[in-house]
C-alpha atoms as a PDB file:
ATOM      1  CA  MET A   1       0.000   0.000   0.000  1.00  0.00           C
ATOM      2  CA  PHE A   2       1.025   3.693  -0.215  1.00  0.00           C
ATOM      3  CA  ASN A   3       4.069   3.719   2.082  1.00  0.00           C
ATOM      4  CA  HIS A   4       4.241   7.479   2.643  1.00  0.00           C
ATOM      5  CA  ALA A   5       0.621   8.423   1.971  1.00  0.00           C
ATOM      6  CA  SER A   6      -1.768  10.333   4.186  1.00  0.00           C
ATOM      7  CA  ALA A   7      -5.537  10.650   4.314  1.00  0.00           C
ATOM      8  CA  ILE A   8      -8.084  12.928   5.941  1.00  0.00           C
ATOM      9  CA  GLY A   9     -10.034  11.124   8.643  1.00  0.00           C
ATOM     10  CA  VAL A  10     -13.421  12.576   9.594  1.00  0.00           C
ATOM     11  CA  ASP A  11     -15.634  11.842  12.579  1.00  0.00           C
ATOM     12  CA  ILE A  12     -19.194  13.172  12.288  1.00  0.00           C
ATOM     13  CA  GLY A  13     -20.378  13.409  15.889  1.00  0.00           C
ATOM     14  CA  ARG A  14     -23.635  14.647  17.366  1.00  0.00           C
ATOM     15  CA  ASN A  15     -22.097  17.893  18.606  1.00  0.00           C
ATOM     16  CA  SER A  16     -18.875  18.304  16.683  1.00  0.00           C
ATOM     17  CA  LEU A  17     -17.099  17.587  13.437  1.00  0.00           C
ATOM     18  CA  LYS A  18     -13.547  16.298  13.914  1.00  0.00           C
ATOM     19  CA  LEU A  19     -10.920  15.978  11.213  1.00  0.00           C
ATOM     20  CA  ALA A  20      -7.343  14.746  11.181  1.00  0.00           C
ATOM     21  CA  VAL A  21      -4.673  14.232   8.572  1.00  0.00           C
ATOM     22  CA  VAL A  22      -3.241  10.799   9.256  1.00  0.00           C
ATOM     23  CA  LYS A  23      -0.240   9.049   7.736  1.00  0.00           C
ATOM     24  CA  ILE A  24      -0.467   5.397   6.775  1.00  0.00           C
ATOM     25  CA  ASP A  25       1.495   4.406   9.896  1.00  0.00           C
ATOM     26  CA  GLY A  26      -1.084   6.090  12.162  1.00  0.00           C
ATOM     27  CA  GLU A  27       0.786   9.336  12.819  1.00  0.00           C
ATOM     28  CA  ILE A  28      -1.621  12.264  13.183  1.00  0.00           C
ATOM     29  CA  VAL A  29      -0.050  15.363  11.661  1.00  0.00           C
ATOM     30  CA  ALA A  30      -2.927  17.857  12.001  1.00  0.00           C
ATOM     31  CA  THR A  31      -6.376  18.079  13.577  1.00  0.00           C
ATOM     32  CA  GLU A  32      -9.419  20.345  13.379  1.00  0.00           C
ATOM     33  CA  ILE A  33     -12.541  20.384  15.560  1.00  0.00           C
ATOM     34  CA  PHE A  34     -15.677  22.312  14.592  1.00  0.00           C
ATOM     35  CA  ALA A  35     -18.555  22.707  17.050  1.00  0.00           C
ATOM     36  CA  LEU A  36     -21.847  21.975  15.274  1.00  0.00           C
ATOM     37  CA  ASN A  37     -25.132  23.816  15.740  1.00  0.00           C
ATOM     38  CA  LYS A  38     -27.669  22.087  17.963  1.00  0.00           C
ATOM     39  CA  ILE A  39     -30.183  22.075  15.091  1.00  0.00           C
ATOM     40  CA  GLN A  40     -28.678  20.532  11.966  1.00  0.00           C
ATOM     41  CA  SER A  41     -29.692  19.794   8.398  1.00  0.00           C
ATOM     42  CA  LYS A  42     -28.120  17.786   5.594  1.00  0.00           C
ATOM     43  CA  ASP A  43     -27.077  20.928   3.721  1.00  0.00           C
ATOM     44  CA  TYR A  44     -25.587  22.550   6.819  1.00  0.00           C
ATOM     45  CA  LEU A  45     -23.600  19.449   7.732  1.00  0.00           C
ATOM     46  CA  ILE A  46     -22.298  18.811   4.211  1.00  0.00           C
ATOM     47  CA  ASN A  47     -21.337  22.448   3.624  1.00  0.00           C
ATOM     48  CA  THR A  48     -19.507  22.523   6.947  1.00  0.00           C
ATOM     49  CA  LEU A  49     -17.741  19.248   6.163  1.00  0.00           C
ATOM     50  CA  ILE A  50     -16.528  20.489   2.769  1.00  0.00           C
ATOM     51  CA  GLU A  51     -15.241  23.749   4.268  1.00  0.00           C
ATOM     52  CA  GLU A  52     -13.399  21.946   7.051  1.00  0.00           C
ATOM     53  CA  ILE A  53     -11.802  19.529   4.563  1.00  0.00           C
ATOM     54  CA  LYS A  54     -10.559  22.483   2.523  1.00  0.00           C
ATOM     55  CA  LYS A  55      -9.247  24.148   5.684  1.00  0.00           C
ATOM     56  CA  ILE A  56      -7.220  21.178   6.882  1.00  0.00           C
ATOM     57  CA  ARG A  57      -5.854  20.486   3.387  1.00  0.00           C
ATOM     58  CA  PHE A  58      -4.592  24.074   3.235  1.00  0.00           C
ATOM     59  CA  LYS A  59      -3.117  23.735   6.724  1.00  0.00           C
ATOM     60  CA  VAL A  60      -0.975  20.694   5.884  1.00  0.00           C
ATOM     61  CA  ALA A  61      -0.042  21.879   2.387  1.00  0.00           C
ATOM     62  CA  ALA A  62       2.370  24.306   4.044  1.00  0.00           C
ATOM     63  CA  GLU A  63       4.220  21.249   5.391  1.00  0.00           C
ATOM     64  CA  GLY A  64       4.337  19.590   1.994  1.00  0.00           C
ATOM     65  CA  ILE A  65       1.615  17.073   2.861  1.00  0.00           C
ATOM     66  CA  ASN A  66      -1.066  16.277   0.291  1.00  0.00           C
ATOM     67  CA  PRO A  67      -3.764  13.831   1.498  1.00  0.00           C
ATOM     68  CA  ILE A  68      -4.873  11.461  -1.242  1.00  0.00           C
ATOM     69  CA  CYS A  69      -8.340  10.506   0.052  1.00  0.00           C
ATOM     70  CA  VAL A  70     -10.971  11.067   2.722  1.00  0.00           C
ATOM     71  CA  GLY A  71     -12.353   8.486   5.142  1.00  0.00           C
ATOM     72  CA  ILE A  72     -15.514   9.368   7.043  1.00  0.00           C
ATOM     73  CA  ALA A  73     -16.922   7.838  10.227  1.00  0.00           C
ATOM     74  CA  ALA A  74     -20.669   8.400  10.572  1.00  0.00           C
ATOM     75  CA  LYS A  75     -23.393   7.037  12.820  1.00  0.00           C
ATOM     76  CA  GLY A  76     -26.116   4.689  11.655  1.00  0.00           C
ATOM     77  CA  PHE A  77     -26.380   2.181   8.834  1.00  0.00           C
ATOM     78  CA  ILE A  78     -24.018   2.744   5.920  1.00  0.00           C
ATOM     79  CA  ASP A  79     -23.848   1.259   2.441  1.00  0.00           C
ATOM     80  CA  HIS A  80     -20.062   1.189   2.608  1.00  0.00           C
ATOM     81  CA  LYS A  81     -19.599   0.044  -0.993  1.00  0.00           C
ATOM     82  CA  SER A  82     -21.446   3.076  -2.365  1.00  0.00           C
ATOM     83  CA  GLY A  83     -20.677   5.447   0.495  1.00  0.00           C
ATOM     84  CA  ILE A  84     -24.347   6.164   1.189  1.00  0.00           C
ATOM     85  CA  ILE A  85     -25.628   7.001   4.670  1.00  0.00           C
ATOM     86  CA  LEU A  86     -28.898   5.077   4.876  1.00  0.00           C
ATOM     87  CA  GLY A  87     -30.136   6.319   8.260  1.00  0.00           C
ATOM     88  CA  PRO A  88     -31.626   6.701  10.789  1.00  0.00           C
ATOM     89  CA  ASP A  89     -31.436  10.477  10.573  1.00  0.00           C
ATOM     90  CA  GLN A  90     -29.798  11.014  14.005  1.00  0.00           C
ATOM     91  CA  GLY A  91     -31.987  14.078  14.452  1.00  0.00           C
ATOM     92  CA  ILE A  92     -30.512  15.752  11.341  1.00  0.00           C
ATOM     93  CA  GLU A  93     -32.999  17.040   8.772  1.00  0.00           C
ATOM     94  CA  ASP A  94     -32.924  14.980   5.526  1.00  0.00           C
ATOM     95  CA  TRP A  95     -30.061  12.800   6.805  1.00  0.00           C
ATOM     96  CA  ASN A  96     -31.330   9.648   5.072  1.00  0.00           C
ATOM     97  CA  ASN A  97     -30.021   8.038   1.883  1.00  0.00           C
ATOM     98  CA  VAL A  98     -27.241  10.629   1.609  1.00  0.00           C
ATOM     99  CA  PRO A  99     -24.634   9.760  -1.081  1.00  0.00           C
ATOM    100  CA  LEU A 100     -21.876  11.306   1.008  1.00  0.00           C
ATOM    101  CA  SER A 101     -18.924   9.676  -0.779  1.00  0.00           C
ATOM    102  CA  ARG A 102     -20.032  11.037  -4.138  1.00  0.00           C
ATOM    103  CA  ILE A 103     -20.744  14.507  -2.750  1.00  0.00           C
ATOM    104  CA  VAL A 104     -17.369  14.816  -1.014  1.00  0.00           C
ATOM    105  CA  ASN A 105     -15.553  13.480  -4.066  1.00  0.00           C
ATOM    106  CA  THR A 106     -17.326  15.970  -6.341  1.00  0.00           C
ATOM    107  CA  GLU A 107     -16.679  18.946  -4.059  1.00  0.00           C
ATOM    108  CA  THR A 108     -13.063  18.181  -3.108  1.00  0.00           C
ATOM    109  CA  GLY A 109     -11.721  16.060  -5.963  1.00  0.00           C
ATOM    110  CA  LEU A 110     -10.594  13.447  -3.422  1.00  0.00           C
ATOM    111  CA  PRO A 111     -11.828   9.849  -3.356  1.00  0.00           C
ATOM    112  CA  ALA A 112     -14.077   9.510  -0.307  1.00  0.00           C
ATOM    113  CA  TYR A 113     -15.195   6.454   1.667  1.00  0.00           C
ATOM    114  CA  VAL A 114     -17.803   6.256   4.437  1.00  0.00           C
ATOM    115  CA  GLY A 115     -18.171   3.723   7.244  1.00  0.00           C
ATOM    116  CA  ASN A 116     -20.056   3.287  10.492  1.00  0.00           C
ATOM    117  CA  ASP A 117     -18.256   5.055  13.355  1.00  0.00           C
ATOM    118  CA  ALA A 118     -18.098   2.022  15.658  1.00  0.00           C
ATOM    119  CA  ASN A 119     -16.652  -0.034  12.799  1.00  0.00           C
ATOM    120  CA  MET A 120     -14.036   2.658  12.185  1.00  0.00           C
ATOM    121  CA  MET A 121     -13.079   2.560  15.879  1.00  0.00           C
ATOM    122  CA  THR A 122     -12.823  -1.227  15.650  1.00  0.00           C
ATOM    123  CA  ILE A 123     -10.509  -0.956  12.638  1.00  0.00           C
ATOM    124  CA  ALA A 124      -8.327   1.578  14.445  1.00  0.00           C
ATOM    125  CA  GLU A 125      -7.917  -0.536  17.579  1.00  0.00           C
ATOM    126  CA  HIS A 126      -7.115  -3.551  15.382  1.00  0.00           C
ATOM    127  CA  ARG A 127      -4.536  -1.714  13.288  1.00  0.00           C
ATOM    128  CA  PHE A 128      -2.964   0.656  15.812  1.00  0.00           C
ATOM    129  CA  GLY A 129      -4.370   0.020  19.285  1.00  0.00           C
ATOM    130  CA  ALA A 130      -5.172  -2.549  21.939  1.00  0.00           C
ATOM    131  CA  ALA A 131      -6.174  -5.286  19.464  1.00  0.00           C
ATOM    132  CA  LYS A 132      -3.100  -5.064  17.248  1.00  0.00           C
ATOM    133  CA  GLY A 133      -1.868  -8.555  16.390  1.00  0.00           C
ATOM    134  CA  TYR A 134      -5.197 -10.292  17.093  1.00  0.00           C
ATOM    135  CA  ASN A 135      -7.495 -11.812  14.465  1.00  0.00           C
ATOM    136  CA  ASP A 136     -10.774 -12.411  16.345  1.00  0.00           C
ATOM    137  CA  ILE A 137     -11.858  -9.232  18.067  1.00  0.00           C
ATOM    138  CA  ILE A 138     -14.956  -7.658  19.544  1.00  0.00           C
ATOM    139  CA  PHE A 139     -15.005  -3.916  20.129  1.00  0.00           C
ATOM    140  CA  VAL A 140     -17.663  -2.533  22.482  1.00  0.00           C
ATOM    141  CA  ALA A 141     -18.236   1.223  22.690  1.00  0.00           C
ATOM    142  CA  LEU A 142     -19.741   2.064  26.091  1.00  0.00           C
ATOM    143  CA  ARG A 143     -21.211   5.543  25.779  1.00  0.00           C
ATOM    144  CA  THR A 144     -24.611   7.287  25.611  1.00  0.00           C
ATOM    145  CA  GLY A 145     -25.693   4.234  23.645  1.00  0.00           C
ATOM    146  CA  ILE A 146     -23.704   1.049  23.068  1.00  0.00           C
ATOM    147  CA  GLY A 147     -22.086   0.407  19.716  1.00  0.00           C
ATOM    148  CA  GLY A 148     -19.604  -2.150  18.553  1.00  0.00           C
ATOM    149  CA  GLY A 149     -17.765  -3.945  15.832  1.00  0.00           C
ATOM    150  CA  LEU A 150     -16.576  -7.472  15.056  1.00  0.00           C
ATOM    151  CA  ILE A 151     -13.411  -8.637  13.383  1.00  0.00           C
ATOM    152  CA  ILE A 152     -13.426 -12.315  12.476  1.00  0.00           C
ATOM    153  CA  ASN A 153     -10.350 -13.966  10.959  1.00  0.00           C
ATOM    154  CA  GLY A 154      -8.796 -10.532  10.524  1.00  0.00           C
ATOM    155  CA  LYS A 155     -11.704  -9.044   8.552  1.00  0.00           C
ATOM    156  CA  LEU A 156     -14.426  -6.652   9.630  1.00  0.00           C
ATOM    157  CA  TYR A 157     -17.733  -8.502   9.832  1.00  0.00           C
ATOM    158  CA  ARG A 158     -20.607  -6.490   8.340  1.00  0.00           C
ATOM    159  CA  GLY A 159     -23.402  -9.005   7.883  1.00  0.00           C
ATOM    160  CA  VAL A 160     -26.270  -8.724   5.425  1.00  0.00           C
ATOM    161  CA  ASN A 161     -26.958  -5.155   4.234  1.00  0.00           C
ATOM    162  CA  ASN A 162     -23.907  -3.983   6.221  1.00  0.00           C
ATOM    163  CA  ALA A 163     -26.122  -4.200   9.302  1.00  0.00           C
ATOM    164  CA  GLY A 164     -24.044  -6.532  11.487  1.00  0.00           C
ATOM    165  CA  GLY A 165     -22.315  -5.638  14.728  1.00  0.00           C
ATOM    166  CA  GLU A 166     -25.212  -3.882  16.496  1.00  0.00           C
ATOM    167  CA  ILE A 167     -24.045  -5.179  19.861  1.00  0.00           C
ATOM    168  CA  GLY A 168     -26.108  -2.669  21.817  1.00  0.00           C
ATOM    169  CA  GLN A 169     -29.357  -4.201  20.595  1.00  0.00           C
ATOM    170  CA  MET A 170     -28.867  -7.716  21.983  1.00  0.00           C
ATOM    171  CA  ILE A 171     -31.567  -8.487  24.546  1.00  0.00           C
ATOM    172  CA  ILE A 172     -30.480  -9.042  28.140  1.00  0.00           C
ATOM    173  CA  ASN A 173     -33.810  -8.529  29.964  1.00  0.00           C
ATOM    174  CA  PHE A 174     -36.951  -9.496  28.089  1.00  0.00           C
ATOM    175  CA  ASP A 175     -39.254  -8.583  30.963  1.00  0.00           C
ATOM    176  CA  ASN A 176     -38.691  -4.852  30.929  1.00  0.00           C
ATOM    177  CA  GLY A 177     -37.311  -1.719  29.301  1.00  0.00           C
ATOM    178  CA  ILE A 178     -38.569  -0.872  25.795  1.00  0.00           C
ATOM    179  CA  SER A 179     -35.966   1.354  24.144  1.00  0.00           C
ATOM    180  CA  SER A 180     -36.480   4.326  21.816  1.00  0.00           C
ATOM    181  CA  LEU A 181     -35.928   1.844  18.959  1.00  0.00           C
ATOM    182  CA  GLY A 182     -38.797  -0.314  20.188  1.00  0.00           C
ATOM    183  CA  ILE A 183     -36.596  -3.187  21.346  1.00  0.00           C
ATOM    184  CA  LYS A 184     -37.477  -4.755  24.681  1.00  0.00           C
ATOM    185  CA  GLY A 185     -34.696  -5.256  27.215  1.00  0.00           C
ATOM    186  CA  SER A 186     -31.717  -4.306  25.041  1.00  0.00           C
ATOM    187  CA  TYR A 187     -28.120  -4.179  26.278  1.00  0.00           C
ATOM    188  CA  GLU A 188     -28.050  -0.477  25.420  1.00  0.00           C
ATOM    189  CA  GLN A 189     -31.239   0.189  27.387  1.00  0.00           C
ATOM    190  CA  PHE A 190     -29.836  -1.385  30.550  1.00  0.00           C
ATOM    191  CA  ALA A 191     -26.052  -0.917  30.442  1.00  0.00           C
ATOM    192  CA  SER A 192     -25.227   2.335  28.592  1.00  0.00           C
ATOM    193  CA  ALA A 193     -24.252   5.720  30.044  1.00  0.00           C
ATOM    194  CA  SER A 194     -27.869   6.810  29.590  1.00  0.00           C
ATOM    195  CA  ALA A 195     -28.947   3.834  31.699  1.00  0.00           C
ATOM    196  CA  VAL A 196     -26.517   4.822  34.472  1.00  0.00           C
ATOM    197  CA  VAL A 197     -28.022   8.320  34.597  1.00  0.00           C
ATOM    198  CA  ARG A 198     -31.569   6.950  34.549  1.00  0.00           C
ATOM    199  CA  ARG A 199     -30.882   4.442  37.348  1.00  0.00           C
ATOM    200  CA  PHE A 200     -29.180   7.075  39.489  1.00  0.00           C
ATOM    201  CA  GLN A 201     -32.170   9.397  39.083  1.00  0.00           C
ATOM    202  CA  GLU A 202     -34.507   6.567  40.057  1.00  0.00           C
ATOM    203  CA  GLU A 203     -32.473   5.807  43.159  1.00  0.00           C
ATOM    204  CA  ILE A 204     -32.221   9.369  44.434  1.00  0.00           C
ATOM    205  CA  SER A 205     -35.877  10.033  43.635  1.00  0.00           C
ATOM    206  CA  THR A 206     -36.819   7.108  45.844  1.00  0.00           C
ATOM    207  CA  ALA A 207     -34.596   8.548  48.569  1.00  0.00           C
ATOM    208  CA  GLY A 208     -36.116  12.013  48.149  1.00  0.00           C
ATOM    209  CA  ASP A 209     -32.791  13.642  47.196  1.00  0.00           C
ATOM    210  CA  LYS A 210     -33.356  16.157  44.364  1.00  0.00           C
ATOM    211  CA  MET A 211     -29.994  17.956  44.568  1.00  0.00           C
ATOM    212  CA  LYS A 212     -28.042  15.509  42.389  1.00  0.00           C
ATOM    213  CA  SER A 213     -30.656  14.653  39.759  1.00  0.00           C
ATOM    214  CA  SER A 214     -28.845  16.428  36.903  1.00  0.00           C
ATOM    215  CA  LEU A 215     -25.528  14.592  37.195  1.00  0.00           C
ATOM    216  CA  THR A 216     -23.918  13.146  34.076  1.00  0.00           C
ATOM    217  CA  CYS A 217     -22.690   9.571  33.836  1.00  0.00           C
ATOM    218  CA  ARG A 218     -19.097  10.739  34.328  1.00  0.00           C
ATOM    219  CA  GLU A 219     -20.080  12.698  37.439  1.00  0.00           C
ATOM    220  CA  ILE A 220     -21.901   9.674  38.851  1.00  0.00           C
ATOM    221  CA  PHE A 221     -18.773   7.569  38.387  1.00  0.00           C
ATOM    222  CA  GLU A 222     -16.660  10.264  40.060  1.00  0.00           C
ATOM    223  CA  LEU A 223     -19.145  10.381  42.931  1.00  0.00           C
ATOM    224  CA  SER A 224     -18.792   6.616  43.342  1.00  0.00           C
ATOM    225  CA  TYR A 225     -15.060   7.077  43.923  1.00  0.00           C
ATOM    226  CA  THR A 226     -15.947   9.047  47.067  1.00  0.00           C
ATOM    227  CA  ASN A 227     -17.949   6.041  48.343  1.00  0.00           C
ATOM    228  CA  SER A 228     -21.340   7.706  47.883  1.00  0.00           C
ATOM    229  CA  ALA A 229     -23.650   4.754  48.584  1.00  0.00           C
ATOM    230  CA  THR A 230     -26.122   5.482  45.769  1.00  0.00           C
ATOM    231  CA  ALA A 231     -23.432   6.072  43.148  1.00  0.00           C
ATOM    232  CA  VAL A 232     -21.523   2.966  44.230  1.00  0.00           C
ATOM    233  CA  LYS A 233     -24.690   0.882  43.974  1.00  0.00           C
ATOM    234  CA  VAL A 234     -25.535   2.159  40.478  1.00  0.00           C
ATOM    235  CA  VAL A 235     -21.986   1.749  39.125  1.00  0.00           C
ATOM    236  CA  LYS A 236     -21.676  -1.770  40.564  1.00  0.00           C
ATOM    237  CA  GLU A 237     -25.030  -2.704  39.006  1.00  0.00           C
ATOM    238  CA  ASN A 238     -23.904  -1.266  35.682  1.00  0.00           C
ATOM    239  CA  ALA A 239     -20.612  -3.179  35.719  1.00  0.00           C
ATOM    240  CA  GLU A 240     -22.502  -6.423  36.270  1.00  0.00           C
ATOM    241  CA  LEU A 241     -24.850  -5.661  33.357  1.00  0.00           C
ATOM    242  CA  VAL A 242     -21.983  -4.694  31.050  1.00  0.00           C
ATOM    243  CA  GLY A 243     -20.342  -7.986  31.982  1.00  0.00           C
ATOM    244  CA  ILE A 244     -23.542  -9.927  31.212  1.00  0.00           C
ATOM    245  CA  GLY A 245     -23.502  -8.542  27.687  1.00  0.00           C
ATOM    246  CA  LEU A 246     -19.848  -9.453  27.268  1.00  0.00           C
ATOM    247  CA  ALA A 247     -20.590 -12.954  28.582  1.00  0.00           C
ATOM    248  CA  ASN A 248     -23.105 -13.435  25.770  1.00  0.00           C
ATOM    249  CA  LEU A 249     -20.513 -12.349  23.226  1.00  0.00           C
ATOM    250  CA  ILE A 250     -17.845 -14.603  24.743  1.00  0.00           C
ATOM    251  CA  SER A 251     -20.069 -17.683  24.638  1.00  0.00           C
ATOM    252  CA  ILE A 252     -21.212 -16.983  21.074  1.00  0.00           C
ATOM    253  CA  PHE A 253     -17.938 -15.879  19.451  1.00  0.00           C
ATOM    254  CA  ALA A 254     -15.121 -17.066  21.779  1.00  0.00           C
ATOM    255  CA  PRO A 255     -12.976 -14.104  20.685  1.00  0.00           C
ATOM    256  CA  GLU A 256      -9.290 -13.635  21.433  1.00  0.00           C
ATOM    257  CA  ILE A 257      -9.883 -10.190  22.875  1.00  0.00           C
ATOM    258  CA  ILE A 258     -12.703  -7.797  23.750  1.00  0.00           C
ATOM    259  CA  ILE A 259     -11.838  -4.104  23.626  1.00  0.00           C
ATOM    260  CA  LEU A 260     -13.852  -1.671  25.751  1.00  0.00           C
ATOM    261  CA  GLY A 261     -14.024   1.830  24.302  1.00  0.00           C
ATOM    262  CA  GLY A 262     -16.197   4.897  24.767  1.00  0.00           C
ATOM    263  CA  GLY A 263     -16.263   7.259  27.727  1.00  0.00           C
ATOM    264  CA  MET A 264     -17.322   4.651  30.286  1.00  0.00           C
ATOM    265  CA  SER A 265     -14.205   2.575  29.576  1.00  0.00           C
ATOM    266  CA  GLU A 266     -12.151   5.400  31.099  1.00  0.00           C
ATOM    267  CA  ALA A 267     -13.523   4.643  34.581  1.00  0.00           C
ATOM    268  CA  ASN A 268     -11.181   3.320  37.273  1.00  0.00           C
ATOM    269  CA  ASP A 269      -9.620  -0.130  37.394  1.00  0.00           C
ATOM    270  CA  ASN A 270     -12.155  -1.401  39.921  1.00  0.00           C
ATOM    271  CA  TYR A 271     -14.973  -0.830  37.412  1.00  0.00           C
ATOM    272  CA  ILE A 272     -13.135  -2.789  34.716  1.00  0.00           C
ATOM    273  CA  SER A 273     -12.410  -5.572  37.225  1.00  0.00           C
ATOM    274  CA  MET A 274     -16.116  -5.831  38.111  1.00  0.00           C
ATOM    275  CA  ILE A 275     -16.993  -6.083  34.431  1.00  0.00           C
ATOM    276  CA  LYS A 276     -14.464  -8.888  33.906  1.00  0.00           C
ATOM    277  CA  LYS A 277     -15.747 -10.773  36.940  1.00  0.00           C
ATOM    278  CA  SER A 278     -19.327 -10.641  35.663  1.00  0.00           C
ATOM    279  CA  ALA A 279     -18.300 -11.572  32.108  1.00  0.00           C
ATOM    280  CA  PHE A 280     -16.232 -14.580  33.136  1.00  0.00           C
ATOM    281  CA  GLU A 281     -18.698 -15.860  35.735  1.00  0.00           C
ATOM    282  CA  ASN A 282     -21.552 -15.864  33.217  1.00  0.00           C
ATOM    283  CA  SER A 283     -19.854 -17.327  30.132  1.00  0.00           C
ATOM    284  CA  LEU A 284     -18.935 -20.866  29.146  1.00  0.00           C
ATOM    285  CA  GLU A 285     -15.579 -22.036  30.480  1.00  0.00           C
ATOM    286  CA  ASN A 286     -14.236 -23.322  27.157  1.00  0.00           C
ATOM    287  CA  CYS A 287     -15.202 -20.067  25.454  1.00  0.00           C
ATOM    288  CA  ARG A 288     -13.638 -17.769  28.054  1.00  0.00           C
ATOM    289  CA  GLN A 289     -10.363 -19.626  28.649  1.00  0.00           C
ATOM    290  CA  GLU A 290      -8.284 -17.561  26.227  1.00  0.00           C
ATOM    291  CA  VAL A 291     -10.227 -14.306  25.992  1.00  0.00           C
ATOM    292  CA  LYS A 292      -8.762 -11.032  27.215  1.00  0.00           C
ATOM    293  CA  ILE A 293     -10.820  -7.973  28.133  1.00  0.00           C
ATOM    294  CA  GLU A 294      -8.894  -4.712  27.777  1.00  0.00           C
ATOM    295  CA  ARG A 295      -9.490  -0.982  27.582  1.00  0.00           C
ATOM    296  CA  ALA A 296      -9.175   0.691  24.189  1.00  0.00           C
ATOM    297  CA  HIS A 297      -5.875   2.529  23.691  1.00  0.00           C
ATOM    298  CA  LEU A 298      -6.832   5.218  21.193  1.00  0.00           C
ATOM    299  CA  GLY A 299      -9.584   7.147  22.962  1.00  0.00           C
ATOM    300  CA  SER A 300     -11.241   9.924  20.968  1.00  0.00           C
ATOM    301  CA  SER A 301      -8.711   9.511  18.144  1.00  0.00           C
ATOM    302  CA  ALA A 302     -10.009   6.060  17.211  1.00  0.00           C
ATOM    303  CA  SER A 303     -12.672   7.196  14.724  1.00  0.00           C
ATOM    304  CA  LEU A 304     -10.209   9.529  13.005  1.00  0.00           C
ATOM    305  CA  LEU A 305      -7.449   6.941  12.748  1.00  0.00           C
ATOM    306  CA  GLY A 306      -9.852   4.218  11.666  1.00  0.00           C
ATOM    307  CA  SER A 307     -11.605   6.282   9.012  1.00  0.00           C
ATOM    308  CA  ALA A 308      -8.320   7.550   7.545  1.00  0.00           C
ATOM    309  CA  TYR A 309      -6.845   4.049   7.397  1.00  0.00           C
ATOM    310  CA  TYR A 310     -10.107   2.726   5.965  1.00  0.00           C
ATOM    311  CA  GLY A 311      -9.962   5.354   3.213  1.00  0.00           C
ATOM    312  CA  LEU A 312      -6.379   4.459   2.294  1.00  0.00           C
ATOM    313  CA  THR A 313      -7.173   0.753   2.304  1.00  0.00           C
ATOM    314  CA  ARG A 314     -10.225   1.173   0.075  1.00  0.00           C
ATOM    315  CA  LEU A 315      -8.279   3.424  -2.288  1.00  0.00           C
ATOM    316  CA  ALA A 316      -5.658   0.695  -2.619  1.00  0.00           C
ATOM    317  CA  GLY A 317      -8.403  -1.716  -3.691  1.00  0.00           C
ATOM    318  CA  MET A 318      -8.098  -3.836  -0.566  1.00  0.00           C
ATOM    319  CA  ASN A 319     -10.962  -5.331   1.427  1.00  0.00           C
ATOM    320  CA  ILE A 320     -11.232  -4.505   5.097  1.00  0.00           C
END
């Protein structure tokens, strides 16, 4: 592949647009972050994206760097072969069936490739991060929702219609909890950052304490470090539920390694230990014997590194 090439990696988030120029070896040579309006439309997002691509290209041109393609990480279901964002709209007006690869290519002259953001994070951790050197990998993004990606025999698993890897939608409690997607008892509904906030609010409401009802998931975790009984209870419960989901994945796939990413994976070592305990206690012995459970290494850079590498790989005509 292109030994000295670079690409522009893009991460389309809910609140910001992040870009990086990344060399083929994973070195990030420039970054840009643009805060997005709360109310967004397809035209606004695309126009902003094109302008930011032009800006970062100009920035690195002064250093003699000329990116040869664009890789884009976006949420939702993606037709990766055609570079079309299928949906759901993520609250963005007209953000369905958007031929983003073609639009970016037309406006910038650069070949452009689009993939699901969790898949791009999975690729990054496999190529540059905690899963480097492994062939059977599960990446779990613990955040507001729960996303994920699967690498089987060294290749990203997409499933039919590129719809595979929706780890957050596996059902772990069929008796309760219908999600916004209409799925009863999903992993995401019970074990995500949103679930932590919801459970904490339920607990303090029962106790009649209204002062802490607006805490974020991160703040609840930080409160648990001070031995606040309610926060400790909620975090311990969450770790057990996260582990239950991992146990399902271990018994089904028997992977070499599970990588935990997203903001929740940055919690203290005790939280990760509780997750491992739950995962190993609730999975089949033969399936769990070799599996490792580790934190992601790349943090917020994962989507940028993964999308840039994905773009370079696709441009080289290679399957990933």
